[in-house]
Amino acid sequence: MFEGLYHSPLPRRATPPSVFHLGHSLVGRDMPAMVAQLTGGVFGSQLGWGASLRQHWTGDVPGFAEENASAAFRPAREAILSGDYQAVVLTEMIDLADALRHHDSARALADWALLARTSRQDVRLYLYETWHRWDDPAGWAQRVRQDRAALWEDGLLRPAMAREGVGVIYVIPGGQVMAAVVAAAESGALPSIGGRAALFSDEIHLTDLGAYVVALTQYAVLMGRSPQGLPSDLRRADGTAADLPRDVAALQALVWTVVQGDPMTGIAGQRDAAGP
C-alpha cells in the first residue's frame, strides 16, 4: 500500500546535509541559501522559468542562462551523478495539472529519482509541494487542500514510486505550510505577519518572508527537527540582509505543527541516529 511506504520514519540527521535543488522560481535563489544558513550545510541548484522536471531532463529549460547565473548553479545531471548530495529536492512546474497532462511528470520524477539512486544508494529524495496562483478561479486555499491528494499524491507520487527502483520520495509540504500560515496571519494569530501581502510579491512568488517560511519547512523536513528557536537574521543569495521580522516564534511553531502532522515528510516517530 502506498501510504504504508511512509510508516517507517527517517532517522534525524546528526550533521548538516548537502542538498541539491532542482526546479524553478518557487525555489529561487534566496530560499535554498536560507536553508543552508539554517542547517549549516551546503547546496547546489539548477533552476529555470516555470521549468518542468521533463524540461530539466531533456535540457530544454526556459530561462536557463538567466536563472543559473549564480555561484550555486551546478548542472543537474553532473551534480546528482557525482554523489555529492545527501538530499535531492525535486520541484514540478505549476500548474501541476498541466504538468501531468503535457509534461509526463510522473515519468520525469521517476527518471530523476532513479538517476539519484544510481549514484548514491543512501540519498534521500524529496518532492517540494508548491502552490498555484492567487487568482485561480477555484480559490487558492481550496486548491491547495484539494491538489495535495488528487495531483501531488495520486497524479505524481503514486505512479512515480510504482516504478521499480524509485523507492520512497518524501514530501516537503510547502503548499500546506503556506496555506496554514496565510490562514493564521489573516486571522490575526501571527501578529508579525499582516497577511498574504507579507508573504507574496505577486500572485505566486515569494517575498523574503515567504522564502523564510519555506526555508523553515525545508529545514524541518531535511533535518527532522523543529525549526523553533532558529534565527531570522538571514541573508539573501547575493549576501544582502533579508527583510525578516524578529518575532518569528509563533511562525516557527506553526511550521513545525504542519510538518509533524504530515505523514509523508518522514518526520513522525523519528529517532536520533547518524543517518545519511
Protein backbone atom coordinates (compact mmCIF):
# COMPACT_ATOMS: atom_id res chain seq x y z
CA MET A 1 0.00 0.00 0.00
CA PHE A 2 1.24 3.47 -0.93
CA GLU A 3 0.61 5.00 2.50
CA GLY A 4 2.47 2.15 4.17
CA LEU A 5 5.71 3.22 2.48
CA TYR A 6 5.80 6.21 4.84
CA HIS A 7 5.27 4.29 8.08
CA SER A 8 8.98 3.87 8.80
CA PRO A 9 10.41 7.25 9.83
CA LEU A 10 13.77 8.54 8.71
CA PRO A 11 16.49 8.98 11.33
CA ARG A 12 17.22 12.55 12.32
CA ARG A 13 20.37 13.94 10.80
CA ALA A 14 23.34 14.29 13.10
CA THR A 15 25.28 16.54 10.71
CA PRO A 16 24.34 19.30 8.24
CA PRO A 17 23.22 17.89 4.89
CA SER A 18 24.41 18.61 1.38
CA VAL A 19 21.32 19.39 -0.71
CA PHE A 20 20.65 19.79 -4.43
CA HIS A 21 17.58 21.77 -5.50
CA LEU A 22 16.06 21.25 -8.96
CA GLY A 23 13.20 23.50 -10.01
CA HIS A 24 12.06 26.99 -10.88
CA SER A 25 11.18 30.36 -9.38
CA LEU A 26 9.25 28.88 -6.43
CA VAL A 27 12.63 27.51 -5.40
CA GLY A 28 14.52 30.62 -6.41
CA ARG A 29 17.97 31.62 -5.29
CA ASP A 30 17.23 33.00 -1.84
CA MET A 31 15.26 30.16 -0.28
CA PRO A 32 17.98 27.49 -0.75
CA ALA A 33 20.55 29.97 0.58
CA MET A 34 18.38 30.43 3.67
CA VAL A 35 18.07 26.66 4.11
CA ALA A 36 21.85 26.32 4.02
CA GLN A 37 22.24 29.06 6.63
CA LEU A 38 19.73 27.34 8.90
CA THR A 39 21.18 23.84 8.53
CA GLY A 40 24.83 24.79 8.25
CA GLY A 41 25.06 22.60 5.16
CA VAL A 42 26.00 23.19 1.54
CA PHE A 43 23.80 23.25 -1.55
CA GLY A 44 23.69 23.43 -5.31
CA SER A 45 20.86 24.14 -7.71
CA GLN A 46 19.59 24.18 -11.28
CA LEU A 47 16.63 26.46 -11.98
CA GLY A 48 14.51 27.73 -14.87
CA TRP A 49 11.48 29.86 -15.66
CA GLY A 50 8.49 27.72 -14.70
CA ALA A 51 10.51 24.71 -15.79
CA SER A 52 9.10 21.19 -15.55
CA LEU A 53 11.08 18.16 -14.44
CA ARG A 54 10.81 16.88 -18.01
CA GLN A 55 12.36 20.06 -19.39
CA HIS A 56 15.23 19.76 -16.93
CA TRP A 57 15.65 16.14 -18.04
CA THR A 58 15.75 16.94 -21.76
CA GLY A 59 17.82 20.11 -21.34
CA ASP A 60 15.15 22.37 -22.82
CA VAL A 61 14.91 24.70 -19.81
CA PRO A 62 13.37 28.16 -20.32
CA GLY A 63 15.36 30.92 -18.64
CA PHE A 64 18.30 28.58 -18.06
CA ALA A 65 21.07 31.15 -18.56
CA GLU A 66 19.33 33.85 -16.57
CA GLU A 67 18.25 31.76 -13.59
CA ASN A 68 21.55 29.92 -13.21
CA ALA A 69 23.87 32.90 -13.24
CA SER A 70 24.90 32.26 -9.65
CA ALA A 71 27.59 30.51 -7.65
CA ALA A 72 25.05 27.89 -6.53
CA PHE A 73 24.50 26.58 -10.06
CA ARG A 74 25.69 23.13 -10.97
CA PRO A 75 24.42 21.16 -13.98
CA ALA A 76 21.78 18.84 -12.59
CA ARG A 77 22.91 15.56 -14.14
CA GLU A 78 26.53 16.18 -13.21
CA ALA A 79 25.58 17.20 -9.68
CA ILE A 80 23.29 14.26 -8.99
CA LEU A 81 25.57 11.69 -10.60
CA SER A 82 28.51 12.97 -8.55
CA GLY A 83 27.00 11.51 -5.38
CA ASP A 84 27.97 14.69 -3.56
CA TYR A 85 24.46 15.38 -2.31
CA GLN A 86 22.80 13.55 0.56
CA ALA A 87 19.41 15.02 -0.33
CA VAL A 88 17.85 15.92 -3.68
CA VAL A 89 14.79 18.20 -3.67
CA LEU A 90 12.74 17.94 -6.86
CA THR A 91 10.16 20.55 -7.86
CA GLU A 92 7.49 20.22 -10.56
CA MET A 93 6.12 23.09 -12.61
CA ILE A 94 2.85 24.83 -11.82
CA ASP A 95 0.02 24.43 -12.73
CA LEU A 96 0.56 20.79 -11.77
CA ALA A 97 -2.49 19.62 -13.71
CA ASP A 98 -0.88 20.99 -16.89
CA ALA A 99 2.42 19.36 -15.99
CA LEU A 100 0.77 15.99 -15.55
CA ARG A 101 -1.14 16.38 -18.80
CA HIS A 102 1.59 17.74 -21.05
CA HIS A 103 4.99 17.05 -19.42
CA ASP A 104 4.72 13.40 -18.32
CA SER A 105 5.50 14.45 -14.76
CA ALA A 106 5.39 11.07 -13.05
CA ARG A 107 7.82 9.57 -15.53
CA ALA A 108 10.16 12.56 -15.19
CA LEU A 109 10.07 12.37 -11.39
CA ALA A 110 10.91 8.67 -11.57
CA ASP A 111 13.73 9.34 -14.05
CA TRP A 112 15.39 11.84 -11.70
CA ALA A 113 14.87 9.56 -8.72
CA LEU A 114 16.48 6.61 -10.45
CA LEU A 115 19.41 8.76 -11.54
CA ALA A 116 19.96 9.79 -7.94
CA ARG A 117 19.71 6.20 -6.68
CA THR A 118 22.27 5.12 -9.27
CA SER A 119 24.94 7.39 -7.86
CA ARG A 120 24.16 7.18 -4.16
CA GLN A 121 22.04 4.46 -2.58
CA ASP A 122 21.55 6.35 0.70
CA VAL A 123 20.31 9.53 -0.99
CA ARG A 124 17.10 10.99 0.41
CA LEU A 125 14.66 12.14 -2.24
CA TYR A 126 12.07 14.85 -1.67
CA LEU A 127 9.25 16.34 -3.69
CA TYR A 128 8.72 20.02 -2.86
CA GLU A 129 4.96 20.56 -2.92
CA THR A 130 4.22 24.13 -4.00
CA TRP A 131 1.05 26.09 -4.81
CA HIS A 132 -0.70 27.83 -7.69
CA ARG A 133 -1.61 31.45 -8.40
CA TRP A 134 -3.73 33.51 -6.04
CA ASP A 135 -6.15 34.40 -8.84
CA ASP A 136 -7.09 30.77 -9.55
CA PRO A 137 -10.87 30.72 -10.14
CA ALA A 138 -11.31 27.66 -7.91
CA GLY A 139 -9.89 29.54 -4.92
CA TRP A 140 -6.32 29.47 -3.66
CA ALA A 141 -6.78 27.76 -0.29
CA GLN A 142 -9.28 25.28 -1.69
CA ARG A 143 -6.89 24.31 -4.48
CA VAL A 144 -4.02 23.80 -2.03
CA ARG A 145 -6.18 21.42 0.02
CA GLN A 146 -7.61 19.54 -2.95
CA ASP A 147 -4.48 19.32 -5.08
CA ARG A 148 -2.41 17.58 -2.45
CA ALA A 149 -4.17 14.21 -2.69
CA ALA A 150 -5.55 14.44 -6.21
CA LEU A 151 -2.47 15.76 -8.01
CA TRP A 152 0.67 15.63 -5.87
CA GLU A 153 -0.02 12.18 -4.46
CA ASP A 154 -2.32 10.34 -6.89
CA GLY A 155 -1.14 12.06 -10.05
CA LEU A 156 2.58 12.33 -9.38
CA LEU A 157 3.97 10.36 -6.45
CA ARG A 158 2.00 7.11 -6.71
CA PRO A 159 2.85 6.37 -10.36
CA ALA A 160 6.46 7.55 -9.99
CA MET A 161 7.09 5.39 -6.92
CA ALA A 162 5.44 2.40 -8.60
CA ARG A 163 8.42 2.23 -10.95
CA GLU A 164 10.97 -0.34 -9.87
CA GLY A 165 13.95 1.10 -8.03
CA VAL A 166 12.50 4.55 -7.33
CA GLY A 167 11.87 3.88 -3.65
CA VAL A 168 10.25 6.37 -1.30
CA ILE A 169 10.10 10.04 -2.24
CA TYR A 170 9.28 12.15 0.80
CA VAL A 171 7.30 15.38 0.69
CA ILE A 172 8.28 18.91 1.68
CA PRO A 173 4.77 20.34 2.22
CA GLY A 174 5.33 23.90 1.08
CA GLY A 175 1.76 24.38 -0.08
CA GLN A 176 0.23 23.08 3.13
CA VAL A 177 2.51 25.22 5.29
CA MET A 178 1.89 28.37 3.25
CA ALA A 179 -1.88 27.80 3.44
CA ALA A 180 -1.69 27.39 7.22
CA VAL A 181 0.48 30.49 7.62
CA VAL A 182 -1.80 32.60 5.42
CA ALA A 183 -4.88 31.46 7.35
CA ALA A 184 -3.22 32.20 10.69
CA ALA A 185 -1.91 35.57 9.55
CA GLU A 186 -5.28 36.68 8.20
CA SER A 187 -6.99 35.62 11.44
CA GLY A 188 -4.58 37.72 13.48
CA ALA A 189 -2.84 34.71 15.05
CA LEU A 190 0.55 35.77 13.68
CA PRO A 191 0.96 39.43 14.70
CA SER A 192 4.31 39.78 12.94
CA ILE A 193 2.64 38.94 9.59
CA GLY A 194 -0.05 41.29 8.40
CA GLY A 195 -1.45 38.99 5.73
CA ARG A 196 -0.67 37.39 2.41
CA ALA A 197 0.99 40.55 1.04
CA ALA A 198 3.83 39.99 3.51
CA LEU A 199 4.46 36.54 2.03
CA PHE A 200 3.90 37.01 -1.71
CA SER A 201 5.40 39.62 -4.03
CA ASP A 202 2.77 38.94 -6.70
CA GLU A 203 0.12 36.27 -7.42
CA ILE A 204 2.52 33.38 -6.79
CA HIS A 205 6.13 34.37 -5.99
CA LEU A 206 7.63 34.79 -2.53
CA THR A 207 8.87 37.77 -0.59
CA ASP A 208 11.80 37.37 1.78
CA LEU A 209 9.35 36.33 4.49
CA GLY A 210 7.67 33.79 2.21
CA ALA A 211 11.07 32.34 1.33
CA TYR A 212 11.86 32.14 5.03
CA VAL A 213 8.64 30.19 5.71
CA VAL A 214 9.58 27.66 3.03
CA ALA A 215 13.16 27.53 4.30
CA LEU A 216 11.87 26.70 7.79
CA THR A 217 9.72 23.97 6.24
CA GLN A 218 12.65 22.51 4.34
CA TYR A 219 14.85 22.67 7.45
CA ALA A 220 12.23 20.79 9.48
CA VAL A 221 11.89 18.02 6.89
CA LEU A 222 15.54 17.72 5.91
CA MET A 223 16.83 17.76 9.48
CA GLY A 224 13.89 16.04 11.17
CA ARG A 225 13.99 18.73 13.83
CA SER A 226 11.81 21.60 14.99
CA PRO A 227 12.67 25.00 13.49
CA GLN A 228 11.70 26.66 16.76
CA GLY A 229 14.47 28.89 18.02
CA LEU A 230 16.18 29.29 14.64
CA PRO A 231 17.41 32.79 13.74
CA SER A 232 15.70 35.17 11.35
CA ASP A 233 18.72 37.38 10.71
CA LEU A 234 19.48 35.69 7.41
CA ARG A 235 20.92 36.85 4.10
CA ARG A 236 19.72 36.51 0.56
CA ALA A 237 21.78 34.62 -2.00
CA ASP A 238 23.54 37.83 -3.03
CA GLY A 239 24.72 38.43 0.53
CA THR A 240 22.34 41.28 1.37
CA ALA A 241 20.24 41.16 4.53
CA ALA A 242 16.80 39.59 4.09
CA ASP A 243 13.83 41.66 5.23
CA LEU A 244 12.55 39.45 8.07
CA PRO A 245 10.82 40.17 11.38
CA ARG A 246 12.49 39.38 14.68
CA ASP A 247 9.40 37.91 16.30
CA VAL A 248 9.05 34.58 14.50
CA ALA A 249 8.43 32.17 17.38
CA ALA A 250 4.73 31.62 16.60
CA LEU A 251 5.51 31.23 12.90
CA GLN A 252 8.17 28.60 13.58
CA ALA A 253 5.83 26.68 15.89
CA LEU A 254 3.11 26.64 13.22
CA VAL A 255 5.52 25.35 10.58
CA TRP A 256 6.58 22.51 12.89
CA THR A 257 2.97 21.60 13.65
CA VAL A 258 2.15 21.26 9.95
CA VAL A 259 5.31 19.29 9.14
CA GLN A 260 4.86 16.93 12.08
CA GLY A 261 1.27 16.29 11.10
CA ASP A 262 2.13 15.24 7.56
CA PRO A 263 2.99 11.50 7.41
CA MET A 264 4.74 11.88 4.06
CA THR A 265 7.53 14.06 5.44
CA GLY A 266 9.25 11.14 7.17
CA ILE A 267 9.13 13.06 10.46
CA ALA A 268 6.57 11.23 12.59
CA GLY A 269 8.21 8.97 15.17
CA GLN A 270 11.74 9.88 14.15
CA ARG A 271 14.65 8.71 16.21
CA ASP A 272 18.13 10.14 16.72
CA ALA A 273 20.74 8.46 14.55
CA ALA A 274 23.58 9.40 12.29
CA GLY A 275 21.64 8.87 9.11
CA PRO A 276 22.89 9.69 5.60
